[in-house]
Amino acid sequence: YGAVYPTNELLKKMTGEEFNPDYYIRYL
């Protein structure tokens, strides 16, 4: 998709939700 979709739209399209730092906090 390159730059066709903005970040949050692309994330939601893939994962079902926009940027969510909870995953990073939990991962670390």
PDB file of all heavy atoms in Angstrom:
ATOM      1  N   TYR A   1       0.804  -1.224   0.000  1.00  0.00           N
ATOM      2  CA  TYR A   1       0.000   0.000   0.000  1.00  0.00           C
ATOM      3  C   TYR A   1       0.838   1.275   0.000  1.00  0.00           C
ATOM      4  O   TYR A   1       0.297   2.363  -0.210  1.00  0.00           O
ATOM      5  CB  TYR A   1      -0.932   0.011   1.211  1.00  0.00           C
ATOM      6  CG  TYR A   1      -1.974  -1.086   1.196  1.00  0.00           C
ATOM      7  CD1 TYR A   1      -1.974  -2.085   2.164  1.00  0.00           C
ATOM      8  CD2 TYR A   1      -2.956  -1.117   0.212  1.00  0.00           C
ATOM      9  CE1 TYR A   1      -2.925  -3.094   2.155  1.00  0.00           C
ATOM     10  CE2 TYR A   1      -3.916  -2.121   0.186  1.00  0.00           C
ATOM     11  CZ  TYR A   1      -3.895  -3.113   1.170  1.00  0.00           C
ATOM     12  OH  TYR A   1      -4.843  -4.109   1.148  1.00  0.00           O
ATOM     13  N   GLY A   2       2.149   1.168   0.265  1.00  0.00           N
ATOM     14  CA  GLY A   2       2.966   2.366   0.306  1.00  0.00           C
ATOM     15  C   GLY A   2       2.370   3.406   1.231  1.00  0.00           C
ATOM     16  O   GLY A   2       2.103   3.146   2.399  1.00  0.00           O
ATOM     17  N   ALA A   3       2.131   4.605   0.669  1.00  0.00           N
ATOM     18  CA  ALA A   3       1.574   5.706   1.460  1.00  0.00           C
ATOM     19  C   ALA A   3       0.103   5.969   1.139  1.00  0.00           C
ATOM     20  O   ALA A   3      -0.403   7.062   1.374  1.00  0.00           O
ATOM     21  CB  ALA A   3       2.394   6.972   1.224  1.00  0.00           C
ATOM     22  N   VAL A   4      -0.583   4.969   0.608  1.00  0.00           N
ATOM     23  CA  VAL A   4      -1.982   5.154   0.205  1.00  0.00           C
ATOM     24  C   VAL A   4      -2.877   5.449   1.407  1.00  0.00           C
ATOM     25  O   VAL A   4      -3.760   6.313   1.351  1.00  0.00           O
ATOM     26  CB  VAL A   4      -2.500   3.923  -0.567  1.00  0.00           C
ATOM     27  CG1 VAL A   4      -4.020   3.986  -0.755  1.00  0.00           C
ATOM     28  CG2 VAL A   4      -1.802   3.825  -1.917  1.00  0.00           C
ATOM     29  N   TYR A   5      -2.640   4.733   2.522  1.00  0.00           N
ATOM     30  CA  TYR A   5      -3.474   4.915   3.713  1.00  0.00           C
ATOM     31  C   TYR A   5      -2.664   5.554   4.838  1.00  0.00           C
ATOM     32  O   TYR A   5      -1.520   5.161   5.076  1.00  0.00           O
ATOM     33  CB  TYR A   5      -4.020   3.569   4.196  1.00  0.00           C
ATOM     34  CG  TYR A   5      -4.886   2.865   3.188  1.00  0.00           C
ATOM     35  CD1 TYR A   5      -4.397   1.772   2.472  1.00  0.00           C
ATOM     36  CD2 TYR A   5      -6.186   3.283   2.945  1.00  0.00           C
ATOM     37  CE1 TYR A   5      -5.188   1.116   1.532  1.00  0.00           C
ATOM     38  CE2 TYR A   5      -6.988   2.633   2.011  1.00  0.00           C
ATOM     39  CZ  TYR A   5      -6.482   1.547   1.307  1.00  0.00           C
ATOM     40  OH  TYR A   5      -7.265   0.907   0.378  1.00  0.00           O
ATOM     41  N   PRO A   6      -3.231   6.512   5.567  1.00  0.00           N
ATOM     42  CA  PRO A   6      -2.554   7.077   6.746  1.00  0.00           C
ATOM     43  C   PRO A   6      -2.273   5.980   7.784  1.00  0.00           C
ATOM     44  O   PRO A   6      -2.909   4.926   7.775  1.00  0.00           O
ATOM     45  CB  PRO A   6      -3.568   8.098   7.280  1.00  0.00           C
ATOM     46  CG  PRO A   6      -4.436   8.429   6.113  1.00  0.00           C
ATOM     47  CD  PRO A   6      -4.526   7.163   5.304  1.00  0.00           C
ATOM     48  N   THR A   7      -1.328   6.247   8.678  1.00  0.00           N
ATOM     49  CA  THR A   7      -0.873   5.242   9.644  1.00  0.00           C
ATOM     50  C   THR A   7      -2.020   4.588  10.412  1.00  0.00           C
ATOM     51  O   THR A   7      -2.138   3.356  10.447  1.00  0.00           O
ATOM     52  CB  THR A   7       0.125   5.879  10.636  1.00  0.00           C
ATOM     53  OG1 THR A   7       1.270   6.322   9.922  1.00  0.00           O
ATOM     54  CG2 THR A   7       0.551   4.873  11.698  1.00  0.00           C
ATOM     55  N   ASN A   8      -2.852   5.394  11.048  1.00  0.00           N
ATOM     56  CA  ASN A   8      -3.925   4.824  11.858  1.00  0.00           C
ATOM     57  C   ASN A   8      -4.929   4.046  11.015  1.00  0.00           C
ATOM     58  O   ASN A   8      -5.453   3.015  11.441  1.00  0.00           O
ATOM     59  CB  ASN A   8      -4.640   5.916  12.654  1.00  0.00           C
ATOM     60  CG  ASN A   8      -3.966   6.184  13.989  1.00  0.00           C
ATOM     61  OD1 ASN A   8      -3.450   5.263  14.634  1.00  0.00           O
ATOM     62  ND2 ASN A   8      -3.958   7.434  14.399  1.00  0.00           N
ATOM     63  N   GLU A   9      -5.193   4.521   9.810  1.00  0.00           N
ATOM     64  CA  GLU A   9      -6.116   3.807   8.923  1.00  0.00           C
ATOM     65  C   GLU A   9      -5.530   2.465   8.495  1.00  0.00           C
ATOM     66  O   GLU A   9      -6.225   1.448   8.437  1.00  0.00           O
ATOM     67  CB  GLU A   9      -6.432   4.667   7.706  1.00  0.00           C
ATOM     68  CG  GLU A   9      -7.555   4.105   6.840  1.00  0.00           C
ATOM     69  CD  GLU A   9      -7.949   5.037   5.700  1.00  0.00           C
ATOM     70  OE1 GLU A   9      -7.647   6.249   5.784  1.00  0.00           O
ATOM     71  OE2 GLU A   9      -8.564   4.542   4.736  1.00  0.00           O
ATOM     72  N   LEU A  10      -4.235   2.468   8.198  1.00  0.00           N
ATOM     73  CA  LEU A  10      -3.585   1.224   7.794  1.00  0.00           C
ATOM     74  C   LEU A  10      -3.531   0.229   8.953  1.00  0.00           C
ATOM     75  O   LEU A  10      -3.774  -0.969   8.777  1.00  0.00           O
ATOM     76  CB  LEU A  10      -2.175   1.522   7.286  1.00  0.00           C
ATOM     77  CG  LEU A  10      -1.390   0.351   6.682  1.00  0.00           C
ATOM     78  CD1 LEU A  10      -2.138  -0.255   5.498  1.00  0.00           C
ATOM     79  CD2 LEU A  10      -0.001   0.796   6.254  1.00  0.00           C
ATOM     80  N   LEU A  11      -3.223   0.736  10.152  1.00  0.00           N
ATOM     81  CA  LEU A  11      -3.206  -0.135  11.326  1.00  0.00           C
ATOM     82  C   LEU A  11      -4.579  -0.736  11.593  1.00  0.00           C
ATOM     83  O   LEU A  11      -4.701  -1.930  11.897  1.00  0.00           O
ATOM     84  CB  LEU A  11      -2.742   0.650  12.556  1.00  0.00           C
ATOM     85  CG  LEU A  11      -1.241   0.728  12.820  1.00  0.00           C
ATOM     86  CD1 LEU A  11      -0.966   1.638  13.995  1.00  0.00           C
ATOM     87  CD2 LEU A  11      -0.645  -0.651  13.034  1.00  0.00           C
ATOM     88  N   LYS A  12      -5.599   0.094  11.488  1.00  0.00           N
ATOM     89  CA  LYS A  12      -6.966  -0.404  11.724  1.00  0.00           C
ATOM     90  C   LYS A  12      -7.369  -1.399  10.655  1.00  0.00           C
ATOM     91  O   LYS A  12      -8.032  -2.408  10.938  1.00  0.00           O
ATOM     92  CB  LYS A  12      -7.953   0.764  11.763  1.00  0.00           C
ATOM     93  CG  LYS A  12      -9.327   0.352  12.274  1.00  0.00           C
ATOM     94  CD  LYS A  12     -10.183   1.557  12.607  1.00  0.00           C
ATOM     95  CE  LYS A  12     -11.510   1.085  13.217  1.00  0.00           C
ATOM     96  NZ  LYS A  12     -12.369   2.241  13.595  1.00  0.00           N
ATOM     97  N   LYS A  13      -6.973  -1.140   9.433  1.00  0.00           N
ATOM     98  CA  LYS A  13      -7.262  -2.046   8.320  1.00  0.00           C
ATOM     99  C   LYS A  13      -6.627  -3.420   8.563  1.00  0.00           C
ATOM    100  O   LYS A  13      -7.210  -4.452   8.237  1.00  0.00           O
ATOM    101  CB  LYS A  13      -6.716  -1.432   7.026  1.00  0.00           C
ATOM    102  CG  LYS A  13      -7.034  -2.184   5.733  1.00  0.00           C
ATOM    103  CD  LYS A  13      -6.458  -1.401   4.555  1.00  0.00           C
ATOM    104  CE  LYS A  13      -6.642  -2.151   3.255  1.00  0.00           C
ATOM    105  NZ  LYS A  13      -8.045  -2.294   2.844  1.00  0.00           N
ATOM    106  N   MET A  14      -5.451  -3.421   9.195  1.00  0.00           N
ATOM    107  CA  MET A  14      -4.727  -4.672   9.425  1.00  0.00           C
ATOM    108  C   MET A  14      -5.118  -5.339  10.743  1.00  0.00           C
ATOM    109  O   MET A  14      -5.431  -6.524  10.780  1.00  0.00           O
ATOM    110  CB  MET A  14      -3.215  -4.420   9.411  1.00  0.00           C
ATOM    111  CG  MET A  14      -2.386  -5.663   9.670  1.00  0.00           C
ATOM    112  SD  MET A  14      -0.620  -5.290   9.762  1.00  0.00           S
ATOM    113  CE  MET A  14       0.046  -6.949  10.001  1.00  0.00           C
ATOM    114  N   THR A  15      -5.091  -4.562  11.836  1.00  0.00           N
ATOM    115  CA  THR A  15      -5.237  -5.160  13.168  1.00  0.00           C
ATOM    116  C   THR A  15      -6.604  -4.940  13.803  1.00  0.00           C
ATOM    117  O   THR A  15      -6.912  -5.538  14.834  1.00  0.00           O
ATOM    118  CB  THR A  15      -4.182  -4.592  14.142  1.00  0.00           C
ATOM    119  OG1 THR A  15      -4.485  -3.210  14.420  1.00  0.00           O
ATOM    120  CG2 THR A  15      -2.780  -4.687  13.545  1.00  0.00           C
ATOM    121  N   GLY A  16      -7.401  -4.037  13.212  1.00  0.00           N
ATOM    122  CA  GLY A  16      -8.718  -3.755  13.774  1.00  0.00           C
ATOM    123  C   GLY A  16      -8.742  -2.604  14.746  1.00  0.00           C
ATOM    124  O   GLY A  16      -9.802  -2.250  15.262  1.00  0.00           O
ATOM    125  N   GLU A  17      -7.572  -2.001  15.031  1.00  0.00           N
ATOM    126  CA  GLU A  17      -7.539  -0.845  15.923  1.00  0.00           C
ATOM    127  C   GLU A  17      -6.424   0.099  15.521  1.00  0.00           C
ATOM    128  O   GLU A  17      -5.466  -0.282  14.858  1.00  0.00           O
ATOM    129  CB  GLU A  17      -7.384  -1.262  17.381  1.00  0.00           C
ATOM    130  CG  GLU A  17      -6.116  -2.014  17.703  1.00  0.00           C
ATOM    131  CD  GLU A  17      -6.016  -2.420  19.170  1.00  0.00           C
ATOM    132  OE1 GLU A  17      -6.370  -1.589  20.037  1.00  0.00           O
ATOM    133  OE2 GLU A  17      -5.590  -3.546  19.431  1.00  0.00           O
ATOM    134  N   GLU A  18      -6.572   1.363  15.927  1.00  0.00           N
ATOM    135  CA  GLU A  18      -5.559   2.361  15.635  1.00  0.00           C
ATOM    136  C   GLU A  18      -4.369   2.196  16.592  1.00  0.00           C
ATOM    137  O   GLU A  18      -4.336   1.259  17.386  1.00  0.00           O
ATOM    138  CB  GLU A  18      -6.182   3.762  15.737  1.00  0.00           C
ATOM    139  CG  GLU A  18      -7.267   4.004  14.695  1.00  0.00           C
ATOM    140  CD  GLU A  18      -7.827   5.410  14.731  1.00  0.00           C
ATOM    141  OE1 GLU A  18      -7.573   6.145  15.718  1.00  0.00           O
ATOM    142  OE2 GLU A  18      -8.530   5.788  13.775  1.00  0.00           O
ATOM    143  N   PHE A  19      -3.405   3.110  16.481  1.00  0.00           N
ATOM    144  CA  PHE A  19      -2.203   3.058  17.303  1.00  0.00           C
ATOM    145  C   PHE A  19      -2.547   2.867  18.776  1.00  0.00           C
ATOM    146  O   PHE A  19      -3.326   3.614  19.357  1.00  0.00           O
ATOM    147  CB  PHE A  19      -1.413   4.364  17.128  1.00  0.00           C
ATOM    148  CG  PHE A  19      -0.190   4.465  17.988  1.00  0.00           C
ATOM    149  CD1 PHE A  19       0.938   3.716  17.716  1.00  0.00           C
ATOM    150  CD2 PHE A  19      -0.161   5.328  19.077  1.00  0.00           C
ATOM    151  CE1 PHE A  19       2.078   3.821  18.506  1.00  0.00           C
ATOM    152  CE2 PHE A  19       0.965   5.450  19.867  1.00  0.00           C
ATOM    153  CZ  PHE A  19       2.087   4.688  19.583  1.00  0.00           C
ATOM    154  N   ASN A  20      -1.948   1.831  19.373  1.00  0.00           N
ATOM    155  CA  ASN A  20      -2.213   1.518  20.773  1.00  0.00           C
ATOM    156  C   ASN A  20      -0.902   1.105  21.439  1.00  0.00           C
ATOM    157  O   ASN A  20      -0.423  -0.017  21.241  1.00  0.00           O
ATOM    158  CB  ASN A  20      -3.232   0.382  20.872  1.00  0.00           C
ATOM    159  CG  ASN A  20      -3.627   0.081  22.309  1.00  0.00           C
ATOM    160  OD1 ASN A  20      -2.994   0.550  23.252  1.00  0.00           O
ATOM    161  ND2 ASN A  20      -4.667  -0.719  22.491  1.00  0.00           N
ATOM    162  N   PRO A  21      -0.295   2.003  22.230  1.00  0.00           N
ATOM    163  CA  PRO A  21       1.002   1.700  22.839  1.00  0.00           C
ATOM    164  C   PRO A  21       0.945   0.656  23.952  1.00  0.00           C
ATOM    165  O   PRO A  21       1.985   0.229  24.453  1.00  0.00           O
ATOM    166  CB  PRO A  21       1.453   3.056  23.385  1.00  0.00           C
ATOM    167  CG  PRO A  21       0.189   3.809  23.613  1.00  0.00           C
ATOM    168  CD  PRO A  21      -0.757   3.362  22.551  1.00  0.00           C
ATOM    169  N   ASP A  22      -0.256   0.229  24.341  1.00  0.00           N
ATOM    170  CA  ASP A  22      -0.370  -0.785  25.401  1.00  0.00           C
ATOM    171  C   ASP A  22       0.413  -2.048  25.046  1.00  0.00           C
ATOM    172  O   ASP A  22       0.998  -2.691  25.924  1.00  0.00           O
ATOM    173  CB  ASP A  22      -1.829  -1.161  25.644  1.00  0.00           C
ATOM    174  CG  ASP A  22      -2.614  -0.044  26.327  1.00  0.00           C
ATOM    175  OD1 ASP A  22      -1.978   0.914  26.805  1.00  0.00           O
ATOM    176  OD2 ASP A  22      -3.850  -0.129  26.367  1.00  0.00           O
ATOM    177  N   TYR A  23       0.407  -2.407  23.773  1.00  0.00           N
ATOM    178  CA  TYR A  23       1.095  -3.629  23.360  1.00  0.00           C
ATOM    179  C   TYR A  23       2.601  -3.522  23.583  1.00  0.00           C
ATOM    180  O   TYR A  23       3.257  -4.486  23.972  1.00  0.00           O
ATOM    181  CB  TYR A  23       0.811  -3.927  21.881  1.00  0.00           C
ATOM    182  CG  TYR A  23      -0.645  -4.218  21.605  1.00  0.00           C
ATOM    183  CD1 TYR A  23      -1.472  -3.255  21.036  1.00  0.00           C
ATOM    184  CD2 TYR A  23      -1.206  -5.457  21.942  1.00  0.00           C
ATOM    185  CE1 TYR A  23      -2.816  -3.519  20.784  1.00  0.00           C
ATOM    186  CE2 TYR A  23      -2.544  -5.728  21.689  1.00  0.00           C
ATOM    187  CZ  TYR A  23      -3.339  -4.750  21.125  1.00  0.00           C
ATOM    188  OH  TYR A  23      -4.660  -5.014  20.889  1.00  0.00           O
ATOM    189  N   TYR A  24       3.150  -2.359  23.328  1.00  0.00           N
ATOM    190  CA  TYR A  24       4.585  -2.140  23.514  1.00  0.00           C
ATOM    191  C   TYR A  24       4.941  -2.161  24.992  1.00  0.00           C
ATOM    192  O   TYR A  24       5.941  -2.794  25.394  1.00  0.00           O
ATOM    193  CB  TYR A  24       4.964  -0.795  22.891  1.00  0.00           C
ATOM    194  CG  TYR A  24       6.438  -0.488  22.863  1.00  0.00           C
ATOM    195  CD1 TYR A  24       7.401  -1.467  22.613  1.00  0.00           C
ATOM    196  CD2 TYR A  24       6.890   0.823  23.065  1.00  0.00           C
ATOM    197  CE1 TYR A  24       8.743  -1.160  22.565  1.00  0.00           C
ATOM    198  CE2 TYR A  24       8.229   1.144  23.017  1.00  0.00           C
ATOM    199  CZ  TYR A  24       9.160   0.155  22.771  1.00  0.00           C
ATOM    200  OH  TYR A  24      10.506   0.463  22.732  1.00  0.00           O
ATOM    201  N   ILE A  25       4.142  -1.493  25.815  1.00  0.00           N
ATOM    202  CA  ILE A  25       4.370  -1.488  27.256  1.00  0.00           C
ATOM    203  C   ILE A  25       4.348  -2.916  27.797  1.00  0.00           C
ATOM    204  O   ILE A  25       5.243  -3.326  28.567  1.00  0.00           O
ATOM    205  CB  ILE A  25       3.293  -0.644  27.981  1.00  0.00           C
ATOM    206  CG1 ILE A  25       3.275   0.806  27.462  1.00  0.00           C
ATOM    207  CG2 ILE A  25       3.483  -0.709  29.485  1.00  0.00           C
ATOM    208  CD1 ILE A  25       4.473   1.613  27.784  1.00  0.00           C
ATOM    209  N   ARG A  26       3.344  -3.679  27.391  1.00  0.00           N
ATOM    210  CA  ARG A  26       3.222  -5.058  27.861  1.00  0.00           C
ATOM    211  C   ARG A  26       4.371  -5.930  27.333  1.00  0.00           C
ATOM    212  O   ARG A  26       4.923  -6.764  28.065  1.00  0.00           O
ATOM    213  CB  ARG A  26       1.875  -5.636  27.431  1.00  0.00           C
ATOM    214  CG  ARG A  26       1.620  -7.030  27.998  1.00  0.00           C
ATOM    215  CD  ARG A  26       0.166  -7.434  27.873  1.00  0.00           C
ATOM    216  NE  ARG A  26      -0.212  -7.688  26.488  1.00  0.00           N
ATOM    217  CZ  ARG A  26      -1.179  -7.055  25.861  1.00  0.00           C
ATOM    218  NH1 ARG A  26      -1.883  -6.108  26.465  1.00  0.00           N
ATOM    219  NH2 ARG A  26      -1.470  -7.341  24.602  1.00  0.00           N
ATOM    220  N   TYR A  27       4.723  -5.721  26.077  1.00  0.00           N
ATOM    221  CA  TYR A  27       5.805  -6.497  25.464  1.00  0.00           C
ATOM    222  C   TYR A  27       7.111  -6.325  26.234  1.00  0.00           C
ATOM    223  O   TYR A  27       7.779  -7.304  26.585  1.00  0.00           O
ATOM    224  CB  TYR A  27       5.972  -6.061  24.013  1.00  0.00           C
ATOM    225  CG  TYR A  27       7.213  -6.563  23.324  1.00  0.00           C
ATOM    226  CD1 TYR A  27       7.283  -7.851  22.802  1.00  0.00           C
ATOM    227  CD2 TYR A  27       8.337  -5.742  23.200  1.00  0.00           C
ATOM    228  CE1 TYR A  27       8.438  -8.311  22.167  1.00  0.00           C
ATOM    229  CE2 TYR A  27       9.493  -6.185  22.568  1.00  0.00           C
ATOM    230  CZ  TYR A  27       9.539  -7.468  22.051  1.00  0.00           C
ATOM    231  OH  TYR A  27      10.683  -7.926  21.433  1.00  0.00           O
ATOM    232  N   LEU A  28       7.499  -5.073  26.502  1.00  0.00           N
ATOM    233  CA  LEU A  28       8.745  -4.821  27.232  1.00  0.00           C
ATOM    234  C   LEU A  28       8.692  -5.394  28.646  1.00  0.00           C
ATOM    235  O   LEU A  28       9.653  -6.015  29.118  1.00  0.00           O
ATOM    236  CB  LEU A  28       9.028  -3.322  27.287  1.00  0.00           C
ATOM    237  CG  LEU A  28       9.446  -2.638  25.987  1.00  0.00           C
ATOM    238  CD1 LEU A  28       9.562  -1.126  26.205  1.00  0.00           C
ATOM    239  CD2 LEU A  28      10.758  -3.196  25.460  1.00  0.00           C
TER     240      LEU A  28
END
